[in-house]
């Protein structure tokens, strides 16, 4: 994630919590080179997972 104090870091961030779940197709993500980002559904949560590409 990106913060004003530490810059960009890897990790998981919950973007949306939907009581009762969600349906539909997850969008395609744009990201800068050197980074990988995926969306994951986990229960009622939609999570963004960011990793650095070696």
PDB file of N, CA and C in Angstrom:
ATOM      1  N   UNK A   1       0.825  -1.162   0.000  1.00  0.00           N
ATOM      2  CA  UNK A   1       0.000   0.000   0.000  1.00  0.00           C
ATOM      3  C   UNK A   1       0.885   1.247   0.000  1.00  0.00           C
ATOM      4  N   UNK A   2       0.321   2.365  -0.246  1.00  0.00           N
ATOM      5  CA  UNK A   2       1.108   3.599  -0.326  1.00  0.00           C
ATOM      6  C   UNK A   2       0.729   4.495   0.847  1.00  0.00           C
ATOM      7  N   UNK A   3       1.746   4.934   1.571  1.00  0.00           N
ATOM      8  CA  UNK A   3       1.527   5.852   2.679  1.00  0.00           C
ATOM      9  C   UNK A   3       2.443   7.054   2.525  1.00  0.00           C
ATOM     10  N   UNK A   4       2.121   8.128   3.208  1.00  0.00           N
ATOM     11  CA  UNK A   4       2.938   9.330   3.107  1.00  0.00           C
ATOM     12  C   UNK A   4       4.258   9.194   3.860  1.00  0.00           C
ATOM     13  N   UNK A   5       4.343   8.252   4.811  1.00  0.00           N
ATOM     14  CA  UNK A   5       5.562   8.125   5.606  1.00  0.00           C
ATOM     15  C   UNK A   5       6.511   7.050   5.105  1.00  0.00           C
ATOM     16  N   UNK A   6       5.979   5.941   4.546  1.00  0.00           N
ATOM     17  CA  UNK A   6       6.875   4.842   4.166  1.00  0.00           C
ATOM     18  C   UNK A   6       6.864   4.515   2.681  1.00  0.00           C
ATOM     19  N   UNK A   7       6.124   5.243   1.874  1.00  0.00           N
ATOM     20  CA  UNK A   7       6.072   4.958   0.442  1.00  0.00           C
ATOM     21  C   UNK A   7       5.246   3.720   0.156  1.00  0.00           C
ATOM     22  N   UNK A   8       5.609   2.988  -0.889  1.00  0.00           N
ATOM     23  CA  UNK A   8       4.846   1.819  -1.313  1.00  0.00           C
ATOM     24  C   UNK A   8       5.336   0.565  -0.589  1.00  0.00           C
ATOM     25  N   UNK A   9       4.398  -0.262  -0.154  1.00  0.00           N
ATOM     26  CA  UNK A   9       4.722  -1.530   0.483  1.00  0.00           C
ATOM     27  C   UNK A   9       3.770  -2.602  -0.039  1.00  0.00           C
ATOM     28  N   UNK A  10       4.137  -3.854   0.155  1.00  0.00           N
ATOM     29  CA  UNK A  10       3.262  -4.953  -0.226  1.00  0.00           C
ATOM     30  C   UNK A  10       2.283  -5.231   0.900  1.00  0.00           C
ATOM     31  N   UNK A  11       1.205  -5.949   0.581  1.00  0.00           N
ATOM     32  CA  UNK A  11       0.250  -6.322   1.608  1.00  0.00           C
ATOM     33  C   UNK A  11      -1.140  -6.544   1.052  1.00  0.00           C
ATOM     34  N   UNK A  12      -2.074  -6.749   1.966  1.00  0.00           N
ATOM     35  CA  UNK A  12      -3.475  -6.980   1.630  1.00  0.00           C
ATOM     36  C   UNK A  12      -4.325  -5.902   2.281  1.00  0.00           C
ATOM     37  N   UNK A  13      -5.255  -5.369   1.513  1.00  0.00           N
ATOM     38  CA  UNK A  13      -6.142  -4.316   2.006  1.00  0.00           C
ATOM     39  C   UNK A  13      -7.570  -4.683   1.652  1.00  0.00           C
ATOM     40  N   UNK A  14      -8.479  -4.625   2.624  1.00  0.00           N
ATOM     41  CA  UNK A  14      -9.888  -4.863   2.347  1.00  0.00           C
ATOM     42  C   UNK A  14     -10.486  -3.602   1.730  1.00  0.00           C
ATOM     43  N   UNK A  15     -10.999  -3.741   0.499  1.00  0.00           N
ATOM     44  CA  UNK A  15     -11.582  -2.595  -0.209  1.00  0.00           C
ATOM     45  C   UNK A  15     -13.056  -2.429   0.106  1.00  0.00           C
ATOM     46  N   UNK A  16     -13.788  -3.564   0.168  1.00  0.00           N
ATOM     47  CA  UNK A  16     -15.232  -3.533   0.375  1.00  0.00           C
ATOM     48  C   UNK A  16     -15.634  -4.703   1.262  1.00  0.00           C
ATOM     49  N   UNK A  17     -16.527  -4.461   2.199  1.00  0.00           N
ATOM     50  CA  UNK A  17     -17.184  -5.523   2.946  1.00  0.00           C
ATOM     51  C   UNK A  17     -18.668  -5.424   2.648  1.00  0.00           C
ATOM     52  N   UNK A  18     -19.239  -6.497   2.091  1.00  0.00           N
ATOM     53  CA  UNK A  18     -20.645  -6.496   1.670  1.00  0.00           C
ATOM     54  C   UNK A  18     -21.418  -7.543   2.471  1.00  0.00           C
ATOM     55  N   UNK A  19     -22.234  -7.082   3.409  1.00  0.00           N
ATOM     56  CA  UNK A  19     -23.072  -7.999   4.167  1.00  0.00           C
ATOM     57  C   UNK A  19     -23.959  -8.744   3.186  1.00  0.00           C
ATOM     58  N   UNK A  20     -23.928 -10.062   3.221  1.00  0.00           N
ATOM     59  CA  UNK A  20     -24.709 -10.848   2.273  1.00  0.00           C
ATOM     60  C   UNK A  20     -23.927 -11.236   1.031  1.00  0.00           C
ATOM     61  N   UNK A  21     -22.669 -10.798   0.940  1.00  0.00           N
ATOM     62  CA  UNK A  21     -21.818 -11.189  -0.179  1.00  0.00           C
ATOM     63  C   UNK A  21     -21.942 -10.270  -1.376  1.00  0.00           C
ATOM     64  N   UNK A  22     -21.239 -10.651  -2.449  1.00  0.00           N
ATOM     65  CA  UNK A  22     -21.265  -9.882  -3.688  1.00  0.00           C
ATOM     66  C   UNK A  22     -21.241 -10.849  -4.863  1.00  0.00           C
ATOM     67  N   UNK A  23     -21.655 -10.360  -6.014  1.00  0.00           N
ATOM     68  CA  UNK A  23     -21.656 -11.172  -7.225  1.00  0.00           C
ATOM     69  C   UNK A  23     -21.062 -10.359  -8.363  1.00  0.00           C
ATOM     70  N   UNK A  24     -20.693 -11.042  -9.433  1.00  0.00           N
ATOM     71  CA  UNK A  24     -20.188 -10.340 -10.602  1.00  0.00           C
ATOM     72  C   UNK A  24     -18.750 -10.714 -10.899  1.00  0.00           C
ATOM     73  N   UNK A  25     -18.216 -10.062 -11.914  1.00  0.00           N
ATOM     74  CA  UNK A  25     -16.860 -10.313 -12.376  1.00  0.00           C
ATOM     75  C   UNK A  25     -15.928  -9.266 -11.795  1.00  0.00           C
ATOM     76  N   UNK A  26     -14.774  -9.711 -11.316  1.00  0.00           N
ATOM     77  CA  UNK A  26     -13.793  -8.778 -10.776  1.00  0.00           C
ATOM     78  C   UNK A  26     -13.113  -8.034 -11.916  1.00  0.00           C
ATOM     79  N   UNK A  27     -12.829  -6.742 -11.742  1.00  0.00           N
ATOM     80  CA  UNK A  27     -12.221  -5.954 -12.822  1.00  0.00           C
ATOM     81  C   UNK A  27     -10.746  -6.286 -13.015  1.00  0.00           C
ATOM     82  N   UNK A  28     -10.206  -5.898 -14.160  1.00  0.00           N
ATOM     83  CA  UNK A  28      -8.779  -5.991 -14.439  1.00  0.00           C
ATOM     84  C   UNK A  28      -8.092  -4.791 -13.801  1.00  0.00           C
ATOM     85  N   UNK A  29      -6.940  -5.018 -13.194  1.00  0.00           N
ATOM     86  CA  UNK A  29      -6.228  -3.944 -12.504  1.00  0.00           C
ATOM     87  C   UNK A  29      -5.062  -3.426 -13.332  1.00  0.00           C
ATOM     88  N   UNK A  30      -4.842  -2.125 -13.275  1.00  0.00           N
ATOM     89  CA  UNK A  30      -3.656  -1.514 -13.873  1.00  0.00           C
ATOM     90  C   UNK A  30      -2.672  -1.251 -12.748  1.00  0.00           C
ATOM     91  N   UNK A  31      -1.392  -1.477 -13.001  1.00  0.00           N
ATOM     92  CA  UNK A  31      -0.391  -1.261 -11.967  1.00  0.00           C
ATOM     93  C   UNK A  31       0.929  -0.881 -12.612  1.00  0.00           C
ATOM     94  N   UNK A  32       1.809  -0.217 -11.861  1.00  0.00           N
ATOM     95  CA  UNK A  32       3.118   0.143 -12.403  1.00  0.00           C
ATOM     96  C   UNK A  32       3.998  -1.095 -12.544  1.00  0.00           C
ATOM     97  N   UNK A  33       5.011  -1.023 -13.417  1.00  0.00           N
ATOM     98  CA  UNK A  33       5.924  -2.151 -13.573  1.00  0.00           C
ATOM     99  C   UNK A  33       6.637  -2.412 -12.248  1.00  0.00           C
ATOM    100  N   UNK A  34       6.924  -3.663 -12.000  1.00  0.00           N
ATOM    101  CA  UNK A  34       7.582  -4.045 -10.757  1.00  0.00           C
ATOM    102  C   UNK A  34       6.624  -4.415  -9.646  1.00  0.00           C
ATOM    103  N   UNK A  35       5.318  -4.298  -9.914  1.00  0.00           N
ATOM    104  CA  UNK A  35       4.305  -4.617  -8.902  1.00  0.00           C
ATOM    105  C   UNK A  35       3.273  -5.563  -9.486  1.00  0.00           C
ATOM    106  N   UNK A  36       2.744  -6.428  -8.648  1.00  0.00           N
ATOM    107  CA  UNK A  36       1.651  -7.315  -9.016  1.00  0.00           C
ATOM    108  C   UNK A  36       0.481  -7.010  -8.091  1.00  0.00           C
ATOM    109  N   UNK A  37      -0.713  -6.932  -8.643  1.00  0.00           N
ATOM    110  CA  UNK A  37      -1.894  -6.651  -7.834  1.00  0.00           C
ATOM    111  C   UNK A  37      -3.035  -7.546  -8.295  1.00  0.00           C
ATOM    112  N   UNK A  38      -3.702  -8.187  -7.351  1.00  0.00           N
ATOM    113  CA  UNK A  38      -4.848  -9.029  -7.659  1.00  0.00           C
ATOM    114  C   UNK A  38      -5.987  -8.706  -6.702  1.00  0.00           C
ATOM    115  N   UNK A  39      -7.188  -8.987  -7.153  1.00  0.00           N
ATOM    116  CA  UNK A  39      -8.365  -8.873  -6.297  1.00  0.00           C
ATOM    117  C   UNK A  39      -8.776 -10.274  -5.881  1.00  0.00           C
ATOM    118  N   UNK A  40      -9.155 -10.431  -4.615  1.00  0.00           N
ATOM    119  CA  UNK A  40      -9.608 -11.713  -4.101  1.00  0.00           C
ATOM    120  C   UNK A  40     -10.887 -11.512  -3.313  1.00  0.00           C
ATOM    121  N   UNK A  41     -11.843 -12.427  -3.515  1.00  0.00           N
ATOM    122  CA  UNK A  41     -13.038 -12.434  -2.689  1.00  0.00           C
ATOM    123  C   UNK A  41     -12.817 -13.424  -1.563  1.00  0.00           C
ATOM    124  N   UNK A  42     -13.096 -13.009  -0.353  1.00  0.00           N
ATOM    125  CA  UNK A  42     -12.959 -13.856   0.825  1.00  0.00           C
ATOM    126  C   UNK A  42     -14.182 -13.621   1.695  1.00  0.00           C
ATOM    127  N   UNK A  43     -15.131 -14.547   1.650  1.00  0.00           N
ATOM    128  CA  UNK A  43     -16.369 -14.340   2.394  1.00  0.00           C
ATOM    129  C   UNK A  43     -17.100 -13.128   1.863  1.00  0.00           C
ATOM    130  N   UNK A  44     -17.359 -12.159   2.714  1.00  0.00           N
ATOM    131  CA  UNK A  44     -18.052 -10.927   2.325  1.00  0.00           C
ATOM    132  C   UNK A  44     -17.106  -9.795   1.954  1.00  0.00           C
ATOM    133  N   UNK A  45     -15.799 -10.078   1.903  1.00  0.00           N
ATOM    134  CA  UNK A  45     -14.803  -9.043   1.654  1.00  0.00           C
ATOM    135  C   UNK A  45     -14.218  -9.127   0.250  1.00  0.00           C
ATOM    136  N   UNK A  46     -13.909  -7.967  -0.304  1.00  0.00           N
ATOM    137  CA  UNK A  46     -13.147  -7.859  -1.542  1.00  0.00           C
ATOM    138  C   UNK A  46     -11.798  -7.265  -1.147  1.00  0.00           C
ATOM    139  N   UNK A  47     -10.728  -8.043  -1.374  1.00  0.00           N
ATOM    140  CA  UNK A  47      -9.395  -7.644  -0.933  1.00  0.00           C
ATOM    141  C   UNK A  47      -8.490  -7.334  -2.123  1.00  0.00           C
ATOM    142  N   UNK A  48      -7.636  -6.341  -1.946  1.00  0.00           N
ATOM    143  CA  UNK A  48      -6.577  -6.027  -2.899  1.00  0.00           C
ATOM    144  C   UNK A  48      -5.289  -6.581  -2.323  1.00  0.00           C
ATOM    145  N   UNK A  49      -4.600  -7.429  -3.106  1.00  0.00           N
ATOM    146  CA  UNK A  49      -3.327  -8.030  -2.674  1.00  0.00           C
ATOM    147  C   UNK A  49      -2.225  -7.485  -3.574  1.00  0.00           C
ATOM    148  N   UNK A  50      -1.253  -6.793  -2.982  1.00  0.00           N
ATOM    149  CA  UNK A  50      -0.170  -6.164  -3.725  1.00  0.00           C
ATOM    150  C   UNK A  50       1.139  -6.842  -3.357  1.00  0.00           C
ATOM    151  N   UNK A  51       1.912  -7.247  -4.381  1.00  0.00           N
ATOM    152  CA  UNK A  51       3.226  -7.846  -4.166  1.00  0.00           C
ATOM    153  C   UNK A  51       4.225  -7.212  -5.120  1.00  0.00           C
ATOM    154  N   UNK A  52       5.490  -7.254  -4.740  1.00  0.00           N
ATOM    155  CA  UNK A  52       6.558  -6.771  -5.605  1.00  0.00           C
ATOM    156  C   UNK A  52       6.987  -7.900  -6.521  1.00  0.00           C
ATOM    157  N   UNK A  53       7.276  -7.599  -7.778  1.00  0.00           N
ATOM    158  CA  UNK A  53       7.732  -8.591  -8.739  1.00  0.00           C
ATOM    159  C   UNK A  53       9.263  -8.596  -8.696  1.00  0.00           C
ATOM    160  N   UNK A  54       9.855  -9.777  -8.460  1.00  0.00           N
ATOM    161  CA  UNK A  54      11.332  -9.831  -8.382  1.00  0.00           C
ATOM    162  C   UNK A  54      11.999  -9.534  -9.705  1.00  0.00           C
TER     163      UNK A  54
END
